[in-house]
Each structure stands twice: as structure tokens, then as C-alpha cells.
Protein backbone atom coordinates (compact mmCIF):
# COMPACT_ATOMS: atom_id res chain seq x y z
CA UNK A 1 -5.12 15.70 -16.44
CA UNK A 2 -7.04 13.00 -18.20
CA UNK A 3 -9.62 14.71 -20.80
CA UNK A 4 -7.49 17.48 -20.96
CA UNK A 5 -7.09 17.40 -24.71
CA UNK A 6 -10.80 17.79 -25.93
CA UNK A 7 -10.46 21.24 -23.66
CA UNK A 8 -12.41 19.57 -20.67
CA UNK A 9 -10.83 18.07 -17.64
CA UNK A 10 -13.01 14.59 -16.98
CA UNK A 11 -10.39 13.81 -14.49
CA UNK A 12 -7.59 13.89 -11.69
CA UNK A 13 -5.13 11.35 -11.37
CA UNK A 14 -5.24 10.41 -7.85
CA UNK A 15 -2.59 9.26 -4.97
CA UNK A 16 -1.70 9.73 -1.25
CA UNK A 17 1.05 10.43 0.92
CA UNK A 18 1.79 9.28 4.37
CA UNK A 19 1.69 5.74 6.31
CA UNK A 20 -1.25 3.53 5.87
CA UNK A 21 -2.91 1.59 8.45
CA UNK A 22 -1.58 -1.90 9.60
CA UNK A 23 -3.03 -4.38 11.09
CA UNK A 24 -2.76 -5.18 14.98
CA UNK A 25 -0.72 -8.33 14.90
CA UNK A 26 1.56 -7.20 12.02
CA UNK A 27 2.17 -4.01 14.67
CA UNK A 28 2.84 -6.74 17.81
CA UNK A 29 5.54 -8.51 15.29
CA UNK A 30 7.24 -5.35 14.26
CA UNK A 31 7.36 -3.88 17.77
CA UNK A 32 8.91 -7.17 19.29
CA UNK A 33 11.01 -7.62 16.74
CA UNK A 34 12.53 -3.48 16.91
CA UNK A 35 12.50 -4.24 20.65
CA UNK A 36 15.33 -6.95 19.80
CA UNK A 37 12.85 -9.97 20.76
CA UNK A 38 12.66 -13.17 19.29
CA UNK A 39 10.71 -13.24 16.44
CA UNK A 40 9.96 -16.04 13.46
CA UNK A 41 11.38 -14.17 10.34
CA UNK A 42 9.58 -16.58 7.77
CA UNK A 43 5.92 -15.55 9.55
CA UNK A 44 6.74 -12.12 10.26
CA UNK A 45 7.83 -11.45 5.96
CA UNK A 46 5.02 -13.77 5.05
CA UNK A 47 2.52 -11.23 7.50
CA UNK A 48 4.35 -8.18 5.74
CA UNK A 49 3.56 -9.33 2.29
CA UNK A 50 0.12 -10.53 3.06
CA UNK A 51 -0.55 -6.85 4.61
CA UNK A 52 1.02 -5.00 1.52
CA UNK A 53 -1.26 -7.08 -0.68
CA UNK A 54 -4.47 -6.04 0.77
CA UNK A 55 -3.59 -2.67 1.36
CA UNK A 56 -2.76 -2.15 -2.68
CA UNK A 57 -5.78 -3.99 -3.30
CA UNK A 58 -8.07 -1.90 -1.07
CA UNK A 59 -6.01 1.30 -2.78
CA UNK A 60 -7.24 0.23 -6.25
CA UNK A 61 -10.60 -1.04 -5.03
CA UNK A 62 -10.83 2.93 -3.78
CA UNK A 63 -9.97 4.09 -7.21
CA UNK A 64 -6.47 5.40 -6.23
CA UNK A 65 -4.57 5.94 -9.82
CA UNK A 66 -1.34 5.08 -8.36
CA UNK A 67 -1.03 2.85 -5.41
CA UNK A 68 1.66 3.22 -2.65
CA UNK A 69 3.26 1.05 -0.26
CA UNK A 70 5.88 2.30 2.09
CA UNK A 71 8.87 1.19 -0.64
CA UNK A 72 7.20 1.61 -4.09
CA UNK A 73 4.71 3.00 -6.05
CA UNK A 74 3.03 2.00 -9.35
CA UNK A 75 0.00 2.68 -11.40
CA UNK A 76 -3.29 0.92 -10.31
CA UNK A 77 -3.54 -1.33 -13.41
CA UNK A 78 0.03 -3.09 -12.74
CA UNK A 79 -0.32 -6.36 -10.98
CA UNK A 80 0.10 -6.60 -7.47
């Protein structure tokens, strides 16, 4: 806990656990991919990267200290 060395807690570091909302267009692409339907892999990968960048930025904007995606966790101060 930050501030604990002075004998007073000033802040509790925050993270979250669980799935974060995905954009509807990405969900549609994910469903098609999982169903074995044809899809544009480059477009899909690009959309996933944009969605991850956005959700990481939203976590930082909300004050989350340890941002998370499905595949990684990092300090909020890390480059996204």
C-alpha cells in the first residue's frame, strides 16, 4: 500500500479480474472465426489490437494501477 511507510494508508493499488466488454463488430468477427467461417485475418488481428489499446487506455483513464488484457498485465505507467 502506498503511504504505508508513514503509518498512514493513502492509496490502495487497484486492478480487476474478468472479461472486459468487446466492441460488437469484433464480437461478430470472433464468432465467424470460431464457427470456421471465412474471415480476413489481417483485418481481424488489426481490430483486436485496436480494441486492446482502447481498453488499456480506458483502464488508465479510470485510475486502474495495474491494467490487464486477456493476455497480459502491466503497470499503468507502462507504454501501451
